[in-house]
C-alpha atoms as a PDB file:
ATOM      1  CA  MET A   1     332.816 -40.303  56.023  1.00  0.00           C
ATOM      2  CA  LEU A   2     331.181 -43.703  56.412  1.00  0.00           C
ATOM      3  CA  HIS A   3     330.040 -43.738  52.780  1.00  0.00           C
ATOM      4  CA  ARG A   4     333.533 -43.303  51.277  1.00  0.00           C
ATOM      5  CA  PRO A   5     334.551 -47.032  51.435  1.00  0.00           C
ATOM      6  CA  CYS A   6     331.231 -47.994  49.869  1.00  0.00           C
ATOM      7  CA  ASN A   7     331.767 -45.519  47.029  1.00  0.00           C
ATOM      8  CA  LEU A   8     335.249 -46.898  46.382  1.00  0.00           C
ATOM      9  CA  LEU A   9     333.898 -50.439  46.266  1.00  0.00           C
ATOM     10  CA  LEU A  10     331.159 -49.487  43.805  1.00  0.00           C
ATOM     11  CA  LEU A  11     333.716 -47.701  41.609  1.00  0.00           C
ATOM     12  CA  ALA A  12     335.965 -50.774  41.562  1.00  0.00           C
ATOM     13  CA  LEU A  13     333.049 -53.038  40.698  1.00  0.00           C
ATOM     14  CA  ALA A  14     332.055 -50.762  37.832  1.00  0.00           C
ATOM     15  CA  CYS A  15     335.593 -50.736  36.408  1.00  0.00           C
ATOM     16  CA  ALA A  16     336.059 -54.510  36.632  1.00  0.00           C
ATOM     17  CA  PRO A  17     334.097 -55.474  33.497  1.00  0.00           C
ATOM     18  CA  LEU A  18     335.610 -52.602  31.543  1.00  0.00           C
ATOM     19  CA  SER A  19     339.155 -53.726  32.327  1.00  0.00           C
ATOM     20  CA  ALA A  20     338.298 -57.276  31.281  1.00  0.00           C
ATOM     21  CA  LEU A  21     337.066 -56.035  27.907  1.00  0.00           C
ATOM     22  CA  ALA A  22     339.939 -53.588  27.406  1.00  0.00           C
ATOM     23  CA  LYS A  23     342.672 -56.222  27.274  1.00  0.00           C
ATOM     24  CA  ASP A  24     343.641 -58.138  24.143  1.00  0.00           C
ATOM     25  CA  LYS A  25     342.493 -55.332  21.835  1.00  0.00           C
ATOM     26  CA  LEU A  26     343.208 -55.695  18.120  1.00  0.00           C
ATOM     27  CA  PRO A  27     342.880 -53.195  15.274  1.00  0.00           C
ATOM     28  CA  PRO A  28     339.534 -53.467  13.463  1.00  0.00           C
ATOM     29  CA  ASP A  29     341.300 -54.364  10.198  1.00  0.00           C
ATOM     30  CA  ALA A  30     343.693 -56.938  11.695  1.00  0.00           C
ATOM     31  CA  PHE A  31     342.062 -59.754   9.692  1.00  0.00           C
ATOM     32  CA  ALA A  32     340.239 -57.724   7.033  1.00  0.00           C
ATOM     33  CA  VAL A  33     340.034 -58.975   3.470  1.00  0.00           C
ATOM     34  CA  SER A  34     342.634 -57.461   1.137  1.00  0.00           C
ATOM     35  CA  LEU A  35     341.445 -56.455  -2.328  1.00  0.00           C
ATOM     36  CA  PRO A  36     343.785 -56.168  -5.330  1.00  0.00           C
ATOM     37  CA  ALA A  37     344.821 -52.708  -6.381  1.00  0.00           C
ATOM     38  CA  PRO A  38     343.577 -51.539  -9.784  1.00  0.00           C
ATOM     39  CA  PRO A  39     346.195 -52.377 -12.419  1.00  0.00           C
ATOM     40  CA  PRO A  40     348.006 -49.464 -14.004  1.00  0.00           C
ATOM     41  CA  ALA A  41     347.448 -48.661 -17.628  1.00  0.00           C
ATOM     42  CA  PRO A  42     349.856 -50.690 -19.795  1.00  0.00           C
ATOM     43  CA  PRO A  43     352.451 -48.620 -21.621  1.00  0.00           C
ATOM     44  CA  ALA A  44     351.981 -48.371 -25.352  1.00  0.00           C
ATOM     45  CA  ASN A  45     355.398 -49.735 -26.259  1.00  0.00           C
ATOM     46  CA  GLY A  46     354.242 -52.397 -28.713  1.00  0.00           C
ATOM     47  CA  SER A  47     355.664 -55.258 -26.608  1.00  0.00           C
ATOM     48  CA  ILE A  48     353.837 -58.594 -26.326  1.00  0.00           C
ATOM     49  CA  PHE A  49     354.679 -59.133 -22.639  1.00  0.00           C
ATOM     50  CA  GLN A  50     353.482 -56.230 -20.536  1.00  0.00           C
ATOM     51  CA  SER A  51     354.157 -55.726 -16.833  1.00  0.00           C
ATOM     52  CA  GLY A  52     351.966 -57.767 -14.508  1.00  0.00           C
ATOM     53  CA  TYR A  53     351.565 -60.798 -16.759  1.00  0.00           C
ATOM     54  CA  VAL A  54     351.474 -64.270 -15.209  1.00  0.00           C
ATOM     55  CA  PRO A  55     353.682 -66.916 -16.843  1.00  0.00           C
ATOM     56  CA  LEU A  56     352.098 -70.146 -17.998  1.00  0.00           C
ATOM     57  CA  THR A  57     354.401 -72.165 -15.730  1.00  0.00           C
ATOM     58  CA  SER A  58     352.728 -70.775 -12.602  1.00  0.00           C
ATOM     59  CA  GLY A  59     349.278 -72.006 -13.586  1.00  0.00           C
ATOM     60  CA  GLY A  60     346.529 -70.661 -11.355  1.00  0.00           C
ATOM     61  CA  ARG A  61     348.746 -70.406  -8.260  1.00  0.00           C
ATOM     62  CA  ALA A  62     348.041 -67.376  -6.099  1.00  0.00           C
ATOM     63  CA  GLY A  63     350.761 -64.755  -5.974  1.00  0.00           C
ATOM     64  CA  GLN A  64     349.185 -61.296  -6.213  1.00  0.00           C
ATOM     65  CA  VAL A  65     347.520 -59.048  -3.648  1.00  0.00           C
ATOM     66  CA  GLY A  66     343.909 -60.096  -3.253  1.00  0.00           C
ATOM     67  CA  ASP A  67     344.425 -63.704  -4.394  1.00  0.00           C
ATOM     68  CA  ILE A  68     342.866 -66.374  -2.201  1.00  0.00           C
ATOM     69  CA  ILE A  69     344.882 -69.040  -0.343  1.00  0.00           C
ATOM     70  CA  THR A  70     343.409 -71.819   1.780  1.00  0.00           C
ATOM     71  CA  ILE A  71     345.177 -72.447   5.084  1.00  0.00           C
ATOM     72  CA  GLN A  72     344.902 -76.046   6.318  1.00  0.00           C
ATOM     73  CA  LEU A  73     344.878 -75.982  10.115  1.00  0.00           C
ATOM     74  CA  VAL A  74     346.931 -78.906  11.380  1.00  0.00           C
ATOM     75  CA  GLU A  75     347.991 -77.448  14.715  1.00  0.00           C
ATOM     76  CA  ARG A  76     348.889 -79.945  17.420  1.00  0.00           C
ATOM     77  CA  THR A  77     351.073 -79.154  20.410  1.00  0.00           C
ATOM     78  CA  THR A  78     351.905 -81.262  23.448  1.00  0.00           C
ATOM     79  CA  ALA A  79     354.010 -80.249  26.426  1.00  0.00           C
ATOM     80  CA  THR A  80     354.842 -82.310  29.497  1.00  0.00           C
ATOM     81  CA  LYS A  81     356.994 -81.424  32.462  1.00  0.00           C
ATOM     82  CA  SER A  82     357.645 -83.308  35.705  1.00  0.00           C
ATOM     83  CA  THR A  83     359.993 -82.796  38.630  1.00  0.00           C
ATOM     84  CA  ALA A  84     360.777 -84.866  41.716  1.00  0.00           C
ATOM     85  CA  ALA A  85     363.107 -84.275  44.646  1.00  0.00           C
ATOM     86  CA  GLY A  86     363.804 -86.038  47.907  1.00  0.00           C
ATOM     87  CA  THR A  87     366.213 -85.602  50.799  1.00  0.00           C
ATOM     88  CA  GLN A  88     366.746 -87.564  53.991  1.00  0.00           C
ATOM     89  CA  ARG A  89     369.093 -87.137  56.930  1.00  0.00           C
ATOM     90  CA  ASP A  90     369.397 -89.142  60.155  1.00  0.00           C
ATOM     91  CA  GLY A  91     371.672 -88.662  63.166  1.00  0.00           C
ATOM     92  CA  SER A  92     372.086 -90.059  66.651  1.00  0.00           C
ATOM     93  CA  VAL A  93     374.385 -89.514  69.643  1.00  0.00           C
ATOM     94  CA  GLY A  94     374.788 -91.953  72.542  1.00  0.00           C
ATOM     95  CA  LEU A  95     377.015 -92.000  75.639  1.00  0.00           C
ATOM     96  CA  THR A  96     377.657 -94.906  77.984  1.00  0.00           C
ATOM     97  CA  PRO A  97     378.078 -93.766  81.619  1.00  0.00           C
ATOM     98  CA  PRO A  98     380.713 -95.425  83.787  1.00  0.00           C
ATOM     99  CA  SER A  99     379.647 -98.309  85.983  1.00  0.00           C
ATOM    100  CA  THR A 100     381.198 -96.767  89.111  1.00  0.00           C
ATOM    101  CA  GLY A 101     381.350 -93.306  90.563  1.00  0.00           C
ATOM    102  CA  PRO A 102     378.723 -90.550  90.732  1.00  0.00           C
ATOM    103  CA  LEU A 103     377.865 -90.817  87.002  1.00  0.00           C
ATOM    104  CA  SER A 104     376.810 -94.426  87.420  1.00  0.00           C
ATOM    105  CA  LEU A 105     373.407 -93.118  88.526  1.00  0.00           C
ATOM    106  CA  PHE A 106     372.548 -92.244  84.871  1.00  0.00           C
ATOM    107  CA  ASP A 107     370.949 -94.763  82.620  1.00  0.00           C
ATOM    108  CA  PRO A 108     372.348 -95.028  79.038  1.00  0.00           C
ATOM    109  CA  SER A 109     368.931 -94.140  77.668  1.00  0.00           C
ATOM    110  CA  ASP A 110     368.943 -90.833  79.586  1.00  0.00           C
ATOM    111  CA  ILE A 111     371.937 -89.434  77.729  1.00  0.00           C
ATOM    112  CA  ALA A 112     371.156 -90.701  74.236  1.00  0.00           C
ATOM    113  CA  MET A 113     369.877 -88.376  71.486  1.00  0.00           C
ATOM    114  CA  GLY A 114     368.710 -88.937  67.960  1.00  0.00           C
ATOM    115  CA  GLY A 115     367.120 -86.968  65.152  1.00  0.00           C
ATOM    116  CA  GLY A 116     365.899 -87.363  61.617  1.00  0.00           C
ATOM    117  CA  GLN A 117     364.796 -85.173  58.747  1.00  0.00           C
ATOM    118  CA  LYS A 118     363.036 -86.157  55.537  1.00  0.00           C
ATOM    119  CA  PHE A 119     361.637 -84.211  52.594  1.00  0.00           C
ATOM    120  CA  ALA A 120     359.894 -85.388  49.445  1.00  0.00           C
ATOM    121  CA  GLY A 121     358.519 -83.192  46.677  1.00  0.00           C
ATOM    122  CA  LYS A 122     356.936 -83.924  43.325  1.00  0.00           C
ATOM    123  CA  GLY A 123     355.322 -81.838  40.613  1.00  0.00           C
ATOM    124  CA  SER A 124     354.020 -82.394  37.107  1.00  0.00           C
ATOM    125  CA  ALA A 125     352.308 -80.392  34.384  1.00  0.00           C
ATOM    126  CA  SER A 126     350.972 -81.290  30.956  1.00  0.00           C
ATOM    127  CA  GLN A 127     349.165 -79.428  28.211  1.00  0.00           C
ATOM    128  CA  SER A 128     347.952 -80.408  24.756  1.00  0.00           C
ATOM    129  CA  ASN A 129     346.124 -78.520  22.014  1.00  0.00           C
ATOM    130  CA  ALA A 130     344.724 -79.540  18.658  1.00  0.00           C
ATOM    131  CA  LEU A 131     343.087 -77.510  15.897  1.00  0.00           C
ATOM    132  CA  SER A 132     342.051 -78.781  12.484  1.00  0.00           C
ATOM    133  CA  GLY A 133     340.042 -77.394   9.585  1.00  0.00           C
ATOM    134  CA  GLU A 134     340.492 -74.972   6.710  1.00  0.00           C
ATOM    135  CA  VAL A 135     340.310 -71.183   6.457  1.00  0.00           C
ATOM    136  CA  SER A 136     340.566 -69.258   3.181  1.00  0.00           C
ATOM    137  CA  VAL A 137     342.528 -66.007   3.418  1.00  0.00           C
ATOM    138  CA  THR A 138     343.679 -63.324   1.000  1.00  0.00           C
ATOM    139  CA  ILE A 139     347.153 -62.051   0.194  1.00  0.00           C
ATOM    140  CA  ALA A 140     347.600 -58.624   1.781  1.00  0.00           C
ATOM    141  CA  GLU A 141     351.181 -57.828   0.759  1.00  0.00           C
ATOM    142  CA  VAL A 142     353.874 -59.298  -1.490  1.00  0.00           C
ATOM    143  CA  TYR A 143     357.455 -58.706  -0.348  1.00  0.00           C
ATOM    144  CA  PRO A 144     360.523 -58.463  -2.604  1.00  0.00           C
ATOM    145  CA  ASN A 145     361.954 -61.771  -1.343  1.00  0.00           C
ATOM    146  CA  GLY A 146     358.873 -63.677  -2.533  1.00  0.00           C
ATOM    147  CA  THR A 147     357.127 -64.064   0.824  1.00  0.00           C
ATOM    148  CA  MET A 148     353.538 -62.904   1.247  1.00  0.00           C
ATOM    149  CA  LEU A 149     351.474 -61.596   4.130  1.00  0.00           C
ATOM    150  CA  VAL A 150     348.108 -63.367   4.310  1.00  0.00           C
ATOM    151  CA  LYS A 151     345.174 -62.731   6.595  1.00  0.00           C
ATOM    152  CA  GLY A 152     341.511 -63.603   6.832  1.00  0.00           C
ATOM    153  CA  GLU A 153     338.773 -64.960   9.047  1.00  0.00           C
ATOM    154  CA  LYS A 154     335.777 -67.281   9.054  1.00  0.00           C
ATOM    155  CA  LEU A 155     332.582 -66.573  10.978  1.00  0.00           C
ATOM    156  CA  LEU A 156     330.150 -69.378  11.792  1.00  0.00           C
ATOM    157  CA  THR A 157     326.762 -68.430  13.201  1.00  0.00           C
ATOM    158  CA  LEU A 158     325.169 -71.314  15.082  1.00  0.00           C
ATOM    159  CA  ASN A 159     321.882 -71.530  16.915  1.00  0.00           C
ATOM    160  CA  ARG A 160     323.685 -71.213  20.268  1.00  0.00           C
ATOM    161  CA  GLY A 161     326.280 -68.581  19.423  1.00  0.00           C
ATOM    162  CA  ASP A 162     328.972 -67.478  16.993  1.00  0.00           C
ATOM    163  CA  GLU A 163     332.324 -69.111  16.281  1.00  0.00           C
ATOM    164  CA  ARG A 164     335.125 -67.066  14.707  1.00  0.00           C
ATOM    165  CA  VAL A 165     338.438 -68.332  13.320  1.00  0.00           C
ATOM    166  CA  GLN A 166     341.046 -65.693  12.443  1.00  0.00           C
ATOM    167  CA  ILE A 167     344.520 -66.218  11.036  1.00  0.00           C
ATOM    168  CA  SER A 168     347.343 -64.070   9.723  1.00  0.00           C
ATOM    169  CA  GLY A 169     350.999 -64.717   8.934  1.00  0.00           C
ATOM    170  CA  ILE A 170     353.678 -64.920   6.272  1.00  0.00           C
ATOM    171  CA  VAL A 171     353.928 -67.714   3.711  1.00  0.00           C
ATOM    172  CA  ARG A 172     356.445 -68.574   1.018  1.00  0.00           C
ATOM    173  CA  ALA A 173     355.406 -68.974  -2.585  1.00  0.00           C
ATOM    174  CA  ILE A 174     357.197 -72.327  -2.720  1.00  0.00           C
ATOM    175  CA  ASP A 175     354.988 -73.702   0.077  1.00  0.00           C
ATOM    176  CA  ILE A 176     351.748 -72.998  -1.821  1.00  0.00           C
ATOM    177  CA  GLY A 177     350.430 -76.098  -3.558  1.00  0.00           C
ATOM    178  CA  PRO A 178     348.942 -76.254  -7.045  1.00  0.00           C
ATOM    179  CA  ASP A 179     345.460 -76.045  -5.479  1.00  0.00           C
ATOM    180  CA  ASN A 180     346.456 -72.876  -3.544  1.00  0.00           C
ATOM    181  CA  ARG A 181     346.621 -74.676  -0.197  1.00  0.00           C
ATOM    182  CA  VAL A 182     349.303 -74.327   2.452  1.00  0.00           C
ATOM    183  CA  LEU A 183     349.705 -75.996   5.844  1.00  0.00           C
ATOM    184  CA  SER A 184     349.406 -73.807   8.918  1.00  0.00           C
ATOM    185  CA  THR A 185     352.730 -75.213  10.124  1.00  0.00           C
ATOM    186  CA  ARG A 186     354.323 -73.468   7.120  1.00  0.00           C
ATOM    187  CA  VAL A 187     352.975 -70.055   8.124  1.00  0.00           C
ATOM    188  CA  ALA A 188     355.616 -67.861   9.767  1.00  0.00           C
ATOM    189  CA  ASN A 189     354.660 -65.475  12.569  1.00  0.00           C
ATOM    190  CA  ALA A 190     351.253 -67.143  12.587  1.00  0.00           C
ATOM    191  CA  ASN A 191     348.510 -65.516  14.624  1.00  0.00           C
ATOM    192  CA  ILE A 192     345.644 -68.001  14.951  1.00  0.00           C
ATOM    193  CA  ARG A 193     342.643 -67.058  17.041  1.00  0.00           C
ATOM    194  CA  TYR A 194     339.606 -69.220  17.767  1.00  0.00           C
ATOM    195  CA  THR A 195     336.941 -67.367  19.714  1.00  0.00           C
ATOM    196  CA  GLY A 196     333.249 -67.680  20.344  1.00  0.00           C
ATOM    197  CA  LYS A 197     330.297 -65.656  21.562  1.00  0.00           C
ATOM    198  CA  GLY A 198     326.898 -66.722  22.813  1.00  0.00           C
ATOM    199  CA  GLU A 199     325.335 -68.475  25.758  1.00  0.00           C
ATOM    200  CA  ILE A 200     327.732 -71.446  25.624  1.00  0.00           C
ATOM    201  CA  ALA A 201     330.768 -69.150  25.725  1.00  0.00           C
ATOM    202  CA  ARG A 202     329.217 -67.119  28.532  1.00  0.00           C
ATOM    203  CA  ALA A 203     328.431 -70.226  30.562  1.00  0.00           C
ATOM    204  CA  SER A 204     332.081 -71.331  30.439  1.00  0.00           C
ATOM    205  CA  LYS A 205     333.366 -68.076  31.986  1.00  0.00           C
ATOM    206  CA  GLN A 206     333.096 -66.562  35.439  1.00  0.00           C
ATOM    207  CA  GLY A 207     330.837 -63.586  35.966  1.00  0.00           C
ATOM    208  CA  TRP A 208     332.486 -60.187  36.253  1.00  0.00           C
ATOM    209  CA  LEU A 209     331.619 -59.877  39.952  1.00  0.00           C
ATOM    210  CA  GLN A 210     333.072 -63.296  40.704  1.00  0.00           C
ATOM    211  CA  ARG A 211     336.235 -62.420  38.737  1.00  0.00           C
ATOM    212  CA  PHE A 212     336.576 -59.221  40.765  1.00  0.00           C
ATOM    213  CA  PHE A 213     336.424 -61.043  44.099  1.00  0.00           C
ATOM    214  CA  SER A 214     338.816 -63.691  42.756  1.00  0.00           C
ATOM    215  CA  ILE A 215     341.372 -60.956  42.064  1.00  0.00           C
ATOM    216  CA  ILE A 216     341.164 -59.254  45.461  1.00  0.00           C
ATOM    217  CA  SER A 217     340.819 -62.467  47.456  1.00  0.00           C
ATOM    218  CA  PRO A 218     343.988 -63.194  49.515  1.00  0.00           C
ATOM    219  CA  PHE A 219     343.228 -66.934  49.625  1.00  0.00           C
END
């Protein structure tokens, strides 16, 4: 019976790293490259313009599944919040005893009362993020209204670890420039992820045992 608490503690410690890895799971093909589907055989109807042709007015602008678009990352967000509150209340009561009679024995300071209350509170919070660069993605789907689903990723292998930039979202054909570039602020439902692996990323995180004790600690 004395070994049961120890067994429960060991089981919790073993499950701690697994639970940390289980969260924030994504499908393996969430940012996979999309390849164009093979074109169907053109009908032998003798027409000059067959289905799937690209007009000369569009130039080399991307618009089909598998075409490449470069996303320019210009993300910059800043948030600031501050609050302040203060209250104060004072009160006093004083009685003057008569100069004659049995109550004349009391001194005015003996029957005087006073009180005060004061509160002051202040709080502030600020957060800012910035991300710049370029990531080339492919068109995964083209919708009837002209919008397109794009997704892709960039993997950088450095001598101290790996850096991965992943992005997906919906863009409009009108927002794509002549050089097939579009700002990240023009991407709807954007999912931008910047992650890293290696000794630098590991050094910036708590160990799994320390995270476990941080969760169960009541302080």
